[in-house]
């Protein structure tokens, strides 16, 4: 009998977790950053989203750069 790997389950609702893309929005008081096409793990049932540490680091850098530029609104697309 083959050992079949079960798809990962959401810790919140037990839905199936799938790789996908999301839009990440940060409101830092004096401005807003919208980052599109962010790689994420998304629950097919409840819609909860998680981003990996390496992607999180990229998002944090983008937000920091926007703050340093005193951007009011910044919309970017995160490439893979």
N, C-alpha and C. Protein backbone atom coordinates (compact mmCIF):
# COMPACT_ATOMS: atom_id res chain seq x y z
N UNK A 1 0.83 -1.18 0.00
CA UNK A 1 0.00 0.00 0.00
C UNK A 1 0.88 1.24 0.00
N UNK A 2 0.60 2.17 -0.91
CA UNK A 2 1.37 3.40 -0.98
C UNK A 2 0.97 4.32 0.16
N UNK A 3 1.96 5.06 0.61
CA UNK A 3 1.74 6.02 1.67
C UNK A 3 1.33 7.35 1.04
N UNK A 4 0.01 7.63 1.00
CA UNK A 4 -0.47 8.85 0.38
C UNK A 4 -0.40 9.99 1.38
N UNK A 5 0.16 11.11 0.90
CA UNK A 5 0.29 12.28 1.74
C UNK A 5 -1.01 13.07 1.69
N UNK A 6 -1.57 13.34 2.86
CA UNK A 6 -2.81 14.09 2.93
C UNK A 6 -2.50 15.58 2.76
N UNK A 7 -3.39 16.33 2.10
CA UNK A 7 -3.16 17.76 1.96
C UNK A 7 -3.19 18.44 3.33
N UNK A 8 -2.39 19.49 3.50
CA UNK A 8 -2.38 20.17 4.79
C UNK A 8 -3.74 20.77 5.11
N UNK A 9 -4.07 20.79 6.39
CA UNK A 9 -5.36 21.29 6.85
C UNK A 9 -5.20 22.61 7.60
N UNK A 10 -6.19 23.46 7.48
CA UNK A 10 -6.22 24.75 8.17
C UNK A 10 -6.34 24.51 9.68
N UNK A 11 -5.49 25.18 10.48
CA UNK A 11 -5.58 25.00 11.93
C UNK A 11 -6.83 25.64 12.53
N UNK A 12 -7.50 26.51 11.76
CA UNK A 12 -8.68 27.20 12.28
C UNK A 12 -9.98 26.45 12.00
N UNK A 13 -10.12 25.91 10.76
CA UNK A 13 -11.40 25.31 10.37
C UNK A 13 -11.27 23.91 9.78
N UNK A 14 -10.06 23.42 9.63
CA UNK A 14 -9.76 22.11 9.05
C UNK A 14 -10.00 22.05 7.54
N UNK A 15 -10.16 23.21 6.89
CA UNK A 15 -10.26 23.25 5.43
C UNK A 15 -8.92 22.90 4.80
N UNK A 16 -8.90 22.72 3.50
CA UNK A 16 -7.69 22.38 2.78
C UNK A 16 -6.86 23.62 2.49
N UNK A 17 -5.56 23.54 2.76
CA UNK A 17 -4.65 24.66 2.47
C UNK A 17 -4.08 24.50 1.08
N UNK A 18 -4.06 25.61 0.33
CA UNK A 18 -3.58 25.60 -1.05
C UNK A 18 -2.66 26.80 -1.26
N UNK A 19 -1.70 26.62 -2.17
CA UNK A 19 -0.82 27.73 -2.55
C UNK A 19 -1.60 28.68 -3.45
N UNK A 20 -1.37 29.97 -3.30
CA UNK A 20 -2.06 30.94 -4.13
C UNK A 20 -1.43 32.31 -4.01
N UNK A 21 -2.15 33.32 -4.44
CA UNK A 21 -1.69 34.71 -4.39
C UNK A 21 -2.73 35.53 -3.64
N UNK A 22 -2.27 36.57 -2.95
CA UNK A 22 -3.15 37.45 -2.22
C UNK A 22 -2.70 38.89 -2.37
N UNK A 23 -3.52 39.79 -1.91
CA UNK A 23 -3.16 41.21 -1.84
C UNK A 23 -2.97 41.55 -0.37
N UNK A 24 -1.84 42.16 -0.05
CA UNK A 24 -1.48 42.47 1.33
C UNK A 24 -1.53 43.99 1.49
N UNK A 25 -2.31 44.47 2.44
CA UNK A 25 -2.46 45.91 2.65
C UNK A 25 -1.96 46.28 4.04
N UNK A 26 -1.18 47.36 4.11
CA UNK A 26 -0.67 47.84 5.39
C UNK A 26 -1.02 49.32 5.52
N UNK A 27 -1.69 49.67 6.61
CA UNK A 27 -1.98 51.07 6.93
C UNK A 27 -1.04 51.45 8.06
N UNK A 28 -0.06 52.33 7.77
CA UNK A 28 0.91 52.68 8.81
C UNK A 28 0.68 54.09 9.35
N UNK A 29 -0.55 54.52 9.34
CA UNK A 29 -0.91 55.81 9.93
C UNK A 29 -0.87 56.95 8.95
N UNK A 30 0.32 57.29 8.49
CA UNK A 30 0.46 58.41 7.56
C UNK A 30 0.37 57.97 6.10
N UNK A 31 0.20 56.68 5.87
CA UNK A 31 0.12 56.18 4.50
C UNK A 31 -0.39 54.75 4.44
N UNK A 32 -0.60 54.31 3.22
CA UNK A 32 -1.10 52.96 2.97
C UNK A 32 -0.25 52.33 1.87
N UNK A 33 0.11 51.07 2.07
CA UNK A 33 0.84 50.30 1.07
C UNK A 33 -0.03 49.10 0.68
N UNK A 34 -0.22 48.92 -0.62
CA UNK A 34 -0.95 47.77 -1.14
C UNK A 34 0.03 46.97 -1.99
N UNK A 35 0.21 45.71 -1.64
CA UNK A 35 1.14 44.84 -2.37
C UNK A 35 0.32 43.71 -2.97
N UNK A 36 0.32 43.64 -4.28
CA UNK A 36 -0.45 42.62 -5.00
C UNK A 36 0.43 41.43 -5.34
N UNK A 37 -0.19 40.31 -5.67
CA UNK A 37 0.51 39.09 -6.10
C UNK A 37 1.49 38.55 -5.06
N UNK A 38 1.09 38.56 -3.81
CA UNK A 38 1.92 38.04 -2.73
C UNK A 38 1.64 36.54 -2.61
N UNK A 39 2.69 35.73 -2.70
CA UNK A 39 2.55 34.28 -2.54
C UNK A 39 2.08 33.97 -1.12
N UNK A 40 1.08 33.10 -1.02
CA UNK A 40 0.52 32.78 0.29
C UNK A 40 -0.04 31.37 0.28
N UNK A 41 -0.27 30.86 1.47
CA UNK A 41 -1.00 29.62 1.67
C UNK A 41 -2.39 30.04 2.12
N UNK A 42 -3.41 29.58 1.40
CA UNK A 42 -4.77 30.06 1.62
C UNK A 42 -5.70 28.89 1.90
N UNK A 43 -6.55 29.04 2.90
CA UNK A 43 -7.54 28.01 3.21
C UNK A 43 -8.69 28.10 2.22
N UNK A 44 -9.02 26.98 1.60
CA UNK A 44 -10.10 26.95 0.62
C UNK A 44 -11.47 27.07 1.26
N UNK A 45 -11.54 26.88 2.57
CA UNK A 45 -12.84 26.94 3.24
C UNK A 45 -13.09 28.30 3.91
N UNK A 46 -12.19 28.74 4.80
CA UNK A 46 -12.43 29.98 5.55
C UNK A 46 -11.73 31.19 4.95
N UNK A 47 -10.77 30.96 4.03
CA UNK A 47 -10.09 32.06 3.36
C UNK A 47 -8.91 32.65 4.13
N UNK A 48 -8.61 32.12 5.30
CA UNK A 48 -7.46 32.61 6.07
C UNK A 48 -6.20 32.45 5.24
N UNK A 49 -5.29 33.42 5.36
CA UNK A 49 -4.08 33.44 4.54
C UNK A 49 -2.83 33.50 5.42
N UNK A 50 -1.79 32.80 4.99
CA UNK A 50 -0.50 32.84 5.66
C UNK A 50 0.58 33.09 4.61
N UNK A 51 1.56 33.92 4.98
CA UNK A 51 2.70 34.13 4.08
C UNK A 51 3.95 33.58 4.75
N UNK A 52 4.87 33.06 3.93
CA UNK A 52 6.10 32.48 4.43
C UNK A 52 7.04 33.56 4.94
N UNK A 53 8.02 33.16 5.74
CA UNK A 53 8.96 34.11 6.33
C UNK A 53 9.74 34.90 5.28
N UNK A 54 10.17 34.24 4.20
CA UNK A 54 10.95 34.96 3.18
C UNK A 54 10.09 36.01 2.48
N UNK A 55 8.83 35.70 2.24
CA UNK A 55 7.91 36.67 1.63
C UNK A 55 7.63 37.79 2.62
N UNK A 56 7.46 37.45 3.88
CA UNK A 56 7.22 38.44 4.93
C UNK A 56 8.36 39.45 4.99
N UNK A 57 9.59 38.98 4.84
CA UNK A 57 10.74 39.88 4.85
C UNK A 57 10.69 40.87 3.70
N UNK A 58 10.26 40.40 2.52
CA UNK A 58 10.13 41.29 1.36
C UNK A 58 9.04 42.34 1.61
N UNK A 59 7.93 41.90 2.19
CA UNK A 59 6.82 42.82 2.48
C UNK A 59 7.27 43.87 3.50
N UNK A 60 7.97 43.45 4.54
CA UNK A 60 8.46 44.39 5.55
C UNK A 60 9.39 45.43 4.95
N UNK A 61 10.26 45.02 4.02
CA UNK A 61 11.17 45.96 3.38
C UNK A 61 10.40 46.98 2.54
N UNK A 62 9.38 46.52 1.82
CA UNK A 62 8.57 47.42 0.99
C UNK A 62 7.88 48.46 1.88
N UNK A 63 7.32 48.02 3.00
CA UNK A 63 6.63 48.94 3.92
C UNK A 63 7.62 49.93 4.52
N UNK A 64 8.78 49.45 4.92
CA UNK A 64 9.81 50.33 5.48
C UNK A 64 10.24 51.39 4.46
N UNK A 65 10.45 50.98 3.21
CA UNK A 65 10.83 51.92 2.16
C UNK A 65 9.74 52.97 1.93
N UNK A 66 8.47 52.54 1.96
CA UNK A 66 7.36 53.48 1.77
C UNK A 66 7.31 54.49 2.92
N UNK A 67 7.55 54.03 4.14
CA UNK A 67 7.58 54.94 5.29
C UNK A 67 8.72 55.95 5.13
N UNK A 68 9.89 55.46 4.73
CA UNK A 68 11.05 56.34 4.57
C UNK A 68 10.84 57.38 3.48
N UNK A 69 10.06 57.03 2.46
CA UNK A 69 9.76 57.96 1.36
C UNK A 69 8.58 58.86 1.70
N UNK A 70 7.96 58.63 2.85
CA UNK A 70 6.76 59.37 3.27
C UNK A 70 5.64 59.23 2.25
N UNK A 71 5.49 58.04 1.69
CA UNK A 71 4.43 57.76 0.72
C UNK A 71 3.08 57.82 1.41
N UNK A 72 2.11 58.43 0.74
CA UNK A 72 0.75 58.44 1.25
C UNK A 72 0.04 57.17 0.78
N UNK A 73 0.20 56.86 -0.52
CA UNK A 73 -0.35 55.63 -1.08
C UNK A 73 0.69 55.05 -2.01
N UNK A 74 0.95 53.76 -1.83
CA UNK A 74 1.89 53.07 -2.70
C UNK A 74 1.29 51.72 -3.06
N UNK A 75 1.20 51.43 -4.35
CA UNK A 75 0.65 50.15 -4.81
C UNK A 75 1.73 49.46 -5.63
N UNK A 76 2.08 48.25 -5.25
CA UNK A 76 3.16 47.50 -5.90
C UNK A 76 2.70 46.09 -6.18
N UNK A 77 3.43 45.41 -7.04
CA UNK A 77 3.19 44.00 -7.29
C UNK A 77 4.46 43.26 -6.92
N UNK A 78 4.33 42.27 -6.08
CA UNK A 78 5.47 41.48 -5.62
C UNK A 78 5.70 40.36 -6.63
N UNK A 79 6.85 40.37 -7.28
CA UNK A 79 7.15 39.31 -8.24
C UNK A 79 7.72 38.12 -7.50
N UNK A 80 7.53 36.97 -8.10
CA UNK A 80 7.99 35.71 -7.48
C UNK A 80 9.44 35.69 -7.39
